[in-house]
Amino acid sequence: MCADAPDEIKERAERYLNKAKPLFENLTLTVDTEDGRKFYEMAMNYYNDAIYFYNNGNFIGAIIALEYAEGWMDAGKFMNFFCL
């Protein structure tokens, strides 16, 4: 692993979070059902975890949590639970 790798990982995590921020800030539940609320909760929890990990220096954890958050968001969009 090269010496610059930790900085590259931090920059990548920051870039991903900056791109995701408006998506999650504007994520709207369009179907108020138990399933819809669960998908929303899971997406937002993983997004908030990503921010927590980033703020605590765990940049790999931030990227991983953000990928899970986006997975829940994409699945929720597919199921018509969300509007962006």
PDB file of N, CA and C in Angstrom:
ATOM      1  N   MET A   1       0.854  -1.175   0.000  1.00  0.00           N
ATOM      2  CA  MET A   1       0.000   0.000   0.000  1.00  0.00           C
ATOM      3  C   MET A   1       0.896   1.233   0.000  1.00  0.00           C
ATOM      4  N   CYS A   2       0.592   2.197  -0.837  1.00  0.00           N
ATOM      5  CA  CYS A   2       1.433   3.388  -0.901  1.00  0.00           C
ATOM      6  C   CYS A   2       1.097   4.345   0.240  1.00  0.00           C
ATOM      7  N   ALA A   3       2.045   5.219   0.532  1.00  0.00           N
ATOM      8  CA  ALA A   3       1.911   6.126   1.673  1.00  0.00           C
ATOM      9  C   ALA A   3       0.722   7.071   1.535  1.00  0.00           C
ATOM     10  N   ASP A   4       0.328   7.393   0.307  1.00  0.00           N
ATOM     11  CA  ASP A   4      -0.777   8.323   0.092  1.00  0.00           C
ATOM     12  C   ASP A   4      -2.150   7.665   0.222  1.00  0.00           C
ATOM     13  N   ALA A   5      -2.200   6.365   0.366  1.00  0.00           N
ATOM     14  CA  ALA A   5      -3.477   5.648   0.376  1.00  0.00           C
ATOM     15  C   ALA A   5      -4.451   6.158   1.439  1.00  0.00           C
ATOM     16  N   PRO A   6      -4.025   6.387   2.699  1.00  0.00           N
ATOM     17  CA  PRO A   6      -5.000   6.894   3.682  1.00  0.00           C
ATOM     18  C   PRO A   6      -5.620   8.228   3.269  1.00  0.00           C
ATOM     19  N   ASP A   7      -4.813   9.124   2.697  1.00  0.00           N
ATOM     20  CA  ASP A   7      -5.359  10.404   2.233  1.00  0.00           C
ATOM     21  C   ASP A   7      -6.330  10.197   1.082  1.00  0.00           C
ATOM     22  N   GLU A   8      -6.013   9.276   0.195  1.00  0.00           N
ATOM     23  CA  GLU A   8      -6.898   8.991  -0.937  1.00  0.00           C
ATOM     24  C   GLU A   8      -8.228   8.424  -0.457  1.00  0.00           C
ATOM     25  N   ILE A   9      -8.177   7.562   0.546  1.00  0.00           N
ATOM     26  CA  ILE A   9      -9.406   6.978   1.087  1.00  0.00           C
ATOM     27  C   ILE A   9     -10.248   8.062   1.754  1.00  0.00           C
ATOM     28  N   LYS A  10      -9.605   8.940   2.506  1.00  0.00           N
ATOM     29  CA  LYS A  10     -10.332  10.042   3.147  1.00  0.00           C
ATOM     30  C   LYS A  10     -10.981  10.933   2.090  1.00  0.00           C
ATOM     31  N   GLU A  11     -10.232  11.283   1.057  1.00  0.00           N
ATOM     32  CA  GLU A  11     -10.767  12.136  -0.009  1.00  0.00           C
ATOM     33  C   GLU A  11     -11.928  11.462  -0.731  1.00  0.00           C
ATOM     34  N   ARG A  12     -11.806  10.167  -0.960  1.00  0.00           N
ATOM     35  CA  ARG A  12     -12.881   9.435  -1.627  1.00  0.00           C
ATOM     36  C   ARG A  12     -14.136   9.418  -0.750  1.00  0.00           C
ATOM     37  N   ALA A  13     -13.962   9.146   0.545  1.00  0.00           N
ATOM     38  CA  ALA A  13     -15.109   9.140   1.458  1.00  0.00           C
ATOM     39  C   ALA A  13     -15.775  10.512   1.486  1.00  0.00           C
ATOM     40  N   GLU A  14     -14.968  11.562   1.538  1.00  0.00           N
ATOM     41  CA  GLU A  14     -15.516  12.922   1.558  1.00  0.00           C
ATOM     42  C   GLU A  14     -16.276  13.229   0.267  1.00  0.00           C
ATOM     43  N   ARG A  15     -15.699  12.837  -0.856  1.00  0.00           N
ATOM     44  CA  ARG A  15     -16.342  13.066  -2.157  1.00  0.00           C
ATOM     45  C   ARG A  15     -17.675  12.321  -2.235  1.00  0.00           C
ATOM     46  N   TYR A  16     -17.689  11.055  -1.816  1.00  0.00           N
ATOM     47  CA  TYR A  16     -18.921  10.265  -1.848  1.00  0.00           C
ATOM     48  C   TYR A  16     -19.996  10.871  -0.939  1.00  0.00           C
ATOM     49  N   LEU A  17     -19.587  11.273   0.267  1.00  0.00           N
ATOM     50  CA  LEU A  17     -20.554  11.860   1.195  1.00  0.00           C
ATOM     51  C   LEU A  17     -21.109  13.178   0.662  1.00  0.00           C
ATOM     52  N   ASN A  18     -20.266  13.979   0.050  1.00  0.00           N
ATOM     53  CA  ASN A  18     -20.733  15.251  -0.513  1.00  0.00           C
ATOM     54  C   ASN A  18     -21.733  15.031  -1.642  1.00  0.00           C
ATOM     55  N   LYS A  19     -21.504  14.003  -2.457  1.00  0.00           N
ATOM     56  CA  LYS A  19     -22.445  13.702  -3.543  1.00  0.00           C
ATOM     57  C   LYS A  19     -23.754  13.132  -3.004  1.00  0.00           C
ATOM     58  N   ALA A  20     -23.664  12.354  -1.931  1.00  0.00           N
ATOM     59  CA  ALA A  20     -24.852  11.704  -1.373  1.00  0.00           C
ATOM     60  C   ALA A  20     -25.702  12.650  -0.526  1.00  0.00           C
ATOM     61  N   LYS A  21     -25.085  13.668   0.044  1.00  0.00           N
ATOM     62  CA  LYS A  21     -25.790  14.550   0.984  1.00  0.00           C
ATOM     63  C   LYS A  21     -27.112  15.089   0.441  1.00  0.00           C
ATOM     64  N   PRO A  22     -27.147  15.694  -0.758  1.00  0.00           N
ATOM     65  CA  PRO A  22     -28.445  16.214  -1.225  1.00  0.00           C
ATOM     66  C   PRO A  22     -29.481  15.117  -1.469  1.00  0.00           C
ATOM     67  N   LEU A  23     -29.027  13.931  -1.851  1.00  0.00           N
ATOM     68  CA  LEU A  23     -29.973  12.832  -2.067  1.00  0.00           C
ATOM     69  C   LEU A  23     -30.668  12.450  -0.769  1.00  0.00           C
ATOM     70  N   PHE A  24     -29.876  12.310   0.293  1.00  0.00           N
ATOM     71  CA  PHE A  24     -30.455  11.885   1.563  1.00  0.00           C
ATOM     72  C   PHE A  24     -31.201  13.024   2.257  1.00  0.00           C
ATOM     73  N   GLU A  25     -30.758  14.262   2.061  1.00  0.00           N
ATOM     74  CA  GLU A  25     -31.480  15.391   2.647  1.00  0.00           C
ATOM     75  C   GLU A  25     -32.852  15.570   2.006  1.00  0.00           C
ATOM     76  N   ASN A  26     -32.988  15.168   0.747  1.00  0.00           N
ATOM     77  CA  ASN A  26     -34.252  15.336   0.027  1.00  0.00           C
ATOM     78  C   ASN A  26     -35.042  14.037  -0.114  1.00  0.00           C
ATOM     79  N   LEU A  27     -34.581  12.984   0.519  1.00  0.00           N
ATOM     80  CA  LEU A  27     -35.269  11.699   0.431  1.00  0.00           C
ATOM     81  C   LEU A  27     -36.633  11.818   1.104  1.00  0.00           C
ATOM     82  N   THR A  28     -37.675  11.527   0.351  1.00  0.00           N
ATOM     83  CA  THR A  28     -39.043  11.678   0.839  1.00  0.00           C
ATOM     84  C   THR A  28     -39.772  10.347   0.742  1.00  0.00           C
ATOM     85  N   LEU A  29     -40.412   9.983   1.816  1.00  0.00           N
ATOM     86  CA  LEU A  29     -41.223   8.768   1.847  1.00  0.00           C
ATOM     87  C   LEU A  29     -42.534   9.061   1.131  1.00  0.00           C
ATOM     88  N   THR A  30     -42.827   8.305   0.086  1.00  0.00           N
ATOM     89  CA  THR A  30     -44.050   8.536  -0.687  1.00  0.00           C
ATOM     90  C   THR A  30     -45.153   7.548  -0.342  1.00  0.00           C
ATOM     91  N   VAL A  31     -44.805   6.446   0.275  1.00  0.00           N
ATOM     92  CA  VAL A  31     -45.780   5.430   0.672  1.00  0.00           C
ATOM     93  C   VAL A  31     -45.620   5.220   2.170  1.00  0.00           C
ATOM     94  N   ASP A  32     -46.583   5.706   2.936  1.00  0.00           N
ATOM     95  CA  ASP A  32     -46.485   5.624   4.390  1.00  0.00           C
ATOM     96  C   ASP A  32     -47.035   4.288   4.878  1.00  0.00           C
ATOM     97  N   THR A  33     -46.224   3.275   4.660  1.00  0.00           N
ATOM     98  CA  THR A  33     -46.544   1.933   5.143  1.00  0.00           C
ATOM     99  C   THR A  33     -45.418   1.489   6.065  1.00  0.00           C
ATOM    100  N   GLU A  34     -45.648   0.405   6.771  1.00  0.00           N
ATOM    101  CA  GLU A  34     -44.601  -0.120   7.648  1.00  0.00           C
ATOM    102  C   GLU A  34     -43.342  -0.442   6.845  1.00  0.00           C
ATOM    103  N   ASP A  35     -43.505  -1.068   5.687  1.00  0.00           N
ATOM    104  CA  ASP A  35     -42.347  -1.394   4.852  1.00  0.00           C
ATOM    105  C   ASP A  35     -41.645  -0.133   4.352  1.00  0.00           C
ATOM    106  N   GLY A  36     -42.409   0.844   3.914  1.00  0.00           N
ATOM    107  CA  GLY A  36     -41.822   2.091   3.443  1.00  0.00           C
ATOM    108  C   GLY A  36     -41.032   2.790   4.531  1.00  0.00           C
ATOM    109  N   ARG A  37     -41.609   2.855   5.721  1.00  0.00           N
ATOM    110  CA  ARG A  37     -40.917   3.482   6.853  1.00  0.00           C
ATOM    111  C   ARG A  37     -39.655   2.721   7.214  1.00  0.00           C
ATOM    112  N   LYS A  38     -39.682   1.390   7.122  1.00  0.00           N
ATOM    113  CA  LYS A  38     -38.500   0.583   7.445  1.00  0.00           C
ATOM    114  C   LYS A  38     -37.379   0.846   6.434  1.00  0.00           C
ATOM    115  N   PHE A  39     -37.712   0.904   5.153  1.00  0.00           N
ATOM    116  CA  PHE A  39     -36.699   1.191   4.139  1.00  0.00           C
ATOM    117  C   PHE A  39     -36.090   2.572   4.368  1.00  0.00           C
ATOM    118  N   TYR A  40     -36.945   3.550   4.676  1.00  0.00           N
ATOM    119  CA  TYR A  40     -36.469   4.908   4.937  1.00  0.00           C
ATOM    120  C   TYR A  40     -35.542   4.920   6.153  1.00  0.00           C
ATOM    121  N   GLU A  41     -35.980   4.259   7.211  1.00  0.00           N
ATOM    122  CA  GLU A  41     -35.189   4.200   8.440  1.00  0.00           C
ATOM    123  C   GLU A  41     -33.826   3.550   8.192  1.00  0.00           C
ATOM    124  N   MET A  42     -33.814   2.456   7.466  1.00  0.00           N
ATOM    125  CA  MET A  42     -32.549   1.765   7.197  1.00  0.00           C
ATOM    126  C   MET A  42     -31.621   2.639   6.352  1.00  0.00           C
ATOM    127  N   ALA A  43     -32.159   3.266   5.316  1.00  0.00           N
ATOM    128  CA  ALA A  43     -31.336   4.134   4.464  1.00  0.00           C
ATOM    129  C   ALA A  43     -30.746   5.278   5.280  1.00  0.00           C
ATOM    130  N   MET A  44     -31.565   5.936   6.078  1.00  0.00           N
ATOM    131  CA  MET A  44     -31.090   7.082   6.853  1.00  0.00           C
ATOM    132  C   MET A  44     -30.138   6.658   7.966  1.00  0.00           C
ATOM    133  N   ASN A  45     -30.393   5.520   8.592  1.00  0.00           N
ATOM    134  CA  ASN A  45     -29.486   5.045   9.640  1.00  0.00           C
ATOM    135  C   ASN A  45     -28.099   4.764   9.081  1.00  0.00           C
ATOM    136  N   TYR A  46     -28.035   4.088   7.946  1.00  0.00           N
ATOM    137  CA  TYR A  46     -26.729   3.816   7.347  1.00  0.00           C
ATOM    138  C   TYR A  46     -26.056   5.110   6.886  1.00  0.00           C
ATOM    139  N   TYR A  47     -26.827   6.058   6.361  1.00  0.00           N
ATOM    140  CA  TYR A  47     -26.252   7.344   5.960  1.00  0.00           C
ATOM    141  C   TYR A  47     -25.673   8.067   7.183  1.00  0.00           C
ATOM    142  N   ASN A  48     -26.423   8.103   8.267  1.00  0.00           N
ATOM    143  CA  ASN A  48     -25.926   8.737   9.493  1.00  0.00           C
ATOM    144  C   ASN A  48     -24.722   7.999  10.062  1.00  0.00           C
ATOM    145  N   ASP A  49     -24.701   6.679   9.936  1.00  0.00           N
ATOM    146  CA  ASP A  49     -23.523   5.910  10.343  1.00  0.00           C
ATOM    147  C   ASP A  49     -22.307   6.320   9.520  1.00  0.00           C
ATOM    148  N   ALA A  50     -22.508   6.510   8.213  1.00  0.00           N
ATOM    149  CA  ALA A  50     -21.404   6.914   7.338  1.00  0.00           C
ATOM    150  C   ALA A  50     -20.819   8.247   7.797  1.00  0.00           C
ATOM    151  N   ILE A  51     -21.677   9.184   8.137  1.00  0.00           N
ATOM    152  CA  ILE A  51     -21.202  10.481   8.628  1.00  0.00           C
ATOM    153  C   ILE A  51     -20.453  10.309   9.943  1.00  0.00           C
ATOM    154  N   TYR A  52     -20.993   9.497  10.833  1.00  0.00           N
ATOM    155  CA  TYR A  52     -20.335   9.236  12.115  1.00  0.00           C
ATOM    156  C   TYR A  52     -18.948   8.633  11.903  1.00  0.00           C
ATOM    157  N   PHE A  53     -18.871   7.610  11.068  1.00  0.00           N
ATOM    158  CA  PHE A  53     -17.580   6.976  10.809  1.00  0.00           C
ATOM    159  C   PHE A  53     -16.585   7.974  10.234  1.00  0.00           C
ATOM    160  N   TYR A  54     -17.044   8.780   9.272  1.00  0.00           N
ATOM    161  CA  TYR A  54     -16.154   9.772   8.662  1.00  0.00           C
ATOM    162  C   TYR A  54     -15.640  10.749   9.721  1.00  0.00           C
ATOM    163  N   ASN A  55     -16.535  11.270  10.535  1.00  0.00           N
ATOM    164  CA  ASN A  55     -16.150  12.245  11.562  1.00  0.00           C
ATOM    165  C   ASN A  55     -15.214  11.667  12.608  1.00  0.00           C
ATOM    166  N   ASN A  56     -15.200  10.349  12.743  1.00  0.00           N
ATOM    167  CA  ASN A  56     -14.331   9.690  13.713  1.00  0.00           C
ATOM    168  C   ASN A  56     -13.114   9.040  13.069  1.00  0.00           C
ATOM    169  N   GLY A  57     -12.846   9.390  11.810  1.00  0.00           N
ATOM    170  CA  GLY A  57     -11.628   8.941  11.143  1.00  0.00           C
ATOM    171  C   GLY A  57     -11.679   7.549  10.552  1.00  0.00           C
ATOM    172  N   ASN A  58     -12.837   6.905  10.572  1.00  0.00           N
ATOM    173  CA  ASN A  58     -12.976   5.574   9.984  1.00  0.00           C
ATOM    174  C   ASN A  58     -13.519   5.741   8.565  1.00  0.00           C
ATOM    175  N   PHE A  59     -12.616   6.064   7.640  1.00  0.00           N
ATOM    176  CA  PHE A  59     -13.029   6.422   6.285  1.00  0.00           C
ATOM    177  C   PHE A  59     -13.497   5.215   5.479  1.00  0.00           C
ATOM    178  N   ILE A  60     -12.899   4.067   5.721  1.00  0.00           N
ATOM    179  CA  ILE A  60     -13.362   2.850   5.044  1.00  0.00           C
ATOM    180  C   ILE A  60     -14.758   2.489   5.546  1.00  0.00           C
ATOM    181  N   GLY A  61     -14.964   2.563   6.847  1.00  0.00           N
ATOM    182  CA  GLY A  61     -16.291   2.314   7.406  1.00  0.00           C
ATOM    183  C   GLY A  61     -17.328   3.275   6.855  1.00  0.00           C
ATOM    184  N   ALA A  62     -16.923   4.532   6.648  1.00  0.00           N
ATOM    185  CA  ALA A  62     -17.840   5.528   6.084  1.00  0.00           C
ATOM    186  C   ALA A  62     -18.265   5.140   4.676  1.00  0.00           C
ATOM    187  N   ILE A  63     -17.306   4.705   3.869  1.00  0.00           N
ATOM    188  CA  ILE A  63     -17.620   4.297   2.496  1.00  0.00           C
ATOM    189  C   ILE A  63     -18.543   3.083   2.498  1.00  0.00           C
ATOM    190  N   ILE A  64     -18.242   2.121   3.343  1.00  0.00           N
ATOM    191  CA  ILE A  64     -19.060   0.906   3.406  1.00  0.00           C
ATOM    192  C   ILE A  64     -20.488   1.239   3.850  1.00  0.00           C
ATOM    193  N   ALA A  65     -20.623   2.036   4.905  1.00  0.00           N
ATOM    194  CA  ALA A  65     -21.960   2.399   5.389  1.00  0.00           C
ATOM    195  C   ALA A  65     -22.733   3.173   4.327  1.00  0.00           C
ATOM    196  N   LEU A  66     -22.040   4.041   3.596  1.00  0.00           N
ATOM    197  CA  LEU A  66     -22.708   4.804   2.545  1.00  0.00           C
ATOM    198  C   LEU A  66     -23.189   3.891   1.425  1.00  0.00           C
ATOM    199  N   GLU A  67     -22.410   2.868   1.097  1.00  0.00           N
ATOM    200  CA  GLU A  67     -22.845   1.908   0.074  1.00  0.00           C
ATOM    201  C   GLU A  67     -24.108   1.183   0.519  1.00  0.00           C
ATOM    202  N   TYR A  68     -24.169   0.798   1.785  1.00  0.00           N
ATOM    203  CA  TYR A  68     -25.387   0.168   2.302  1.00  0.00           C
ATOM    204  C   TYR A  68     -26.559   1.150   2.257  1.00  0.00           C
ATOM    205  N   ALA A  69     -26.322   2.403   2.652  1.00  0.00           N
ATOM    206  CA  ALA A  69     -27.379   3.418   2.627  1.00  0.00           C
ATOM    207  C   ALA A  69     -27.929   3.589   1.223  1.00  0.00           C
ATOM    208  N   GLU A  70     -27.031   3.655   0.253  1.00  0.00           N
ATOM    209  CA  GLU A  70     -27.470   3.820  -1.133  1.00  0.00           C
ATOM    210  C   GLU A  70     -28.207   2.582  -1.631  1.00  0.00           C
ATOM    211  N   GLY A  71     -27.815   1.416  -1.144  1.00  0.00           N
ATOM    212  CA  GLY A  71     -28.528   0.194  -1.502  1.00  0.00           C
ATOM    213  C   GLY A  71     -29.964   0.217  -1.000  1.00  0.00           C
ATOM    214  N   TRP A  72     -30.162   0.629   0.251  1.00  0.00           N
ATOM    215  CA  TRP A  72     -31.516   0.738   0.796  1.00  0.00           C
ATOM    216  C   TRP A  72     -32.310   1.809   0.056  1.00  0.00           C
ATOM    217  N   MET A  73     -31.639   2.921  -0.281  1.00  0.00           N
ATOM    218  CA  MET A  73     -32.319   3.985  -1.011  1.00  0.00           C
ATOM    219  C   MET A  73     -32.737   3.499  -2.399  1.00  0.00           C
ATOM    220  N   ASP A  74     -31.837   2.837  -3.108  1.00  0.00           N
ATOM    221  CA  ASP A  74     -32.161   2.333  -4.447  1.00  0.00           C
ATOM    222  C   ASP A  74     -33.291   1.310  -4.398  1.00  0.00           C
ATOM    223  N   ALA A  75     -33.227   0.412  -3.414  1.00  0.00           N
ATOM    224  CA  ALA A  75     -34.289  -0.589  -3.283  1.00  0.00           C
ATOM    225  C   ALA A  75     -35.621   0.089  -2.965  1.00  0.00           C
ATOM    226  N   GLY A  76     -35.583   1.097  -2.104  1.00  0.00           N
ATOM    227  CA  GLY A  76     -36.801   1.834  -1.775  1.00  0.00           C
ATOM    228  C   GLY A  76     -37.377   2.572  -2.969  1.00  0.00           C
ATOM    229  N   LYS A  77     -36.499   3.123  -3.806  1.00  0.00           N
ATOM    230  CA  LYS A  77     -36.973   3.775  -5.037  1.00  0.00           C
ATOM    231  C   LYS A  77     -37.612   2.741  -5.957  1.00  0.00           C
ATOM    232  N   PHE A  78     -36.981   1.580  -6.083  1.00  0.00           N
ATOM    233  CA  PHE A  78     -37.502   0.511  -6.932  1.00  0.00           C
ATOM    234  C   PHE A  78     -38.884   0.062  -6.459  1.00  0.00           C
ATOM    235  N   MET A  79     -39.070   0.041  -5.148  1.00  0.00           N
ATOM    236  CA  MET A  79     -40.353  -0.378  -4.569  1.00  0.00           C
ATOM    237  C   MET A  79     -41.364   0.775  -4.510  1.00  0.00           C
ATOM    238  N   ASN A  80     -40.976   1.936  -5.043  1.00  0.00           N
ATOM    239  CA  ASN A  80     -41.820   3.144  -5.051  1.00  0.00           C
ATOM    240  C   ASN A  80     -42.137   3.666  -3.653  1.00  0.00           C
ATOM    241  N   PHE A  81     -41.211   3.463  -2.709  1.00  0.00           N
ATOM    242  CA  PHE A  81     -41.369   4.006  -1.364  1.00  0.00           C
ATOM    243  C   PHE A  81     -40.853   5.443  -1.271  1.00  0.00           C
ATOM    244  N   PHE A  82     -39.925   5.816  -2.161  1.00  0.00           N
ATOM    245  CA  PHE A  82     -39.235   7.107  -2.058  1.00  0.00           C
ATOM    246  C   PHE A  82     -39.411   7.953  -3.295  1.00  0.00           C
ATOM    247  N   CYS A  83     -39.299   9.242  -3.058  1.00  0.00           N
ATOM    248  CA  CYS A  83     -39.189  10.221  -4.131  1.00  0.00           C
ATOM    249  C   CYS A  83     -37.951  11.050  -3.822  1.00  0.00           C
ATOM    250  N   LEU A  84     -37.145  11.282  -4.833  1.00  0.00           N
ATOM    251  CA  LEU A  84     -35.936  12.103  -4.634  1.00  0.00           C
ATOM    252  C   LEU A  84     -36.117  13.467  -5.240  1.00  0.00           C
TER     253      LEU A  84
END
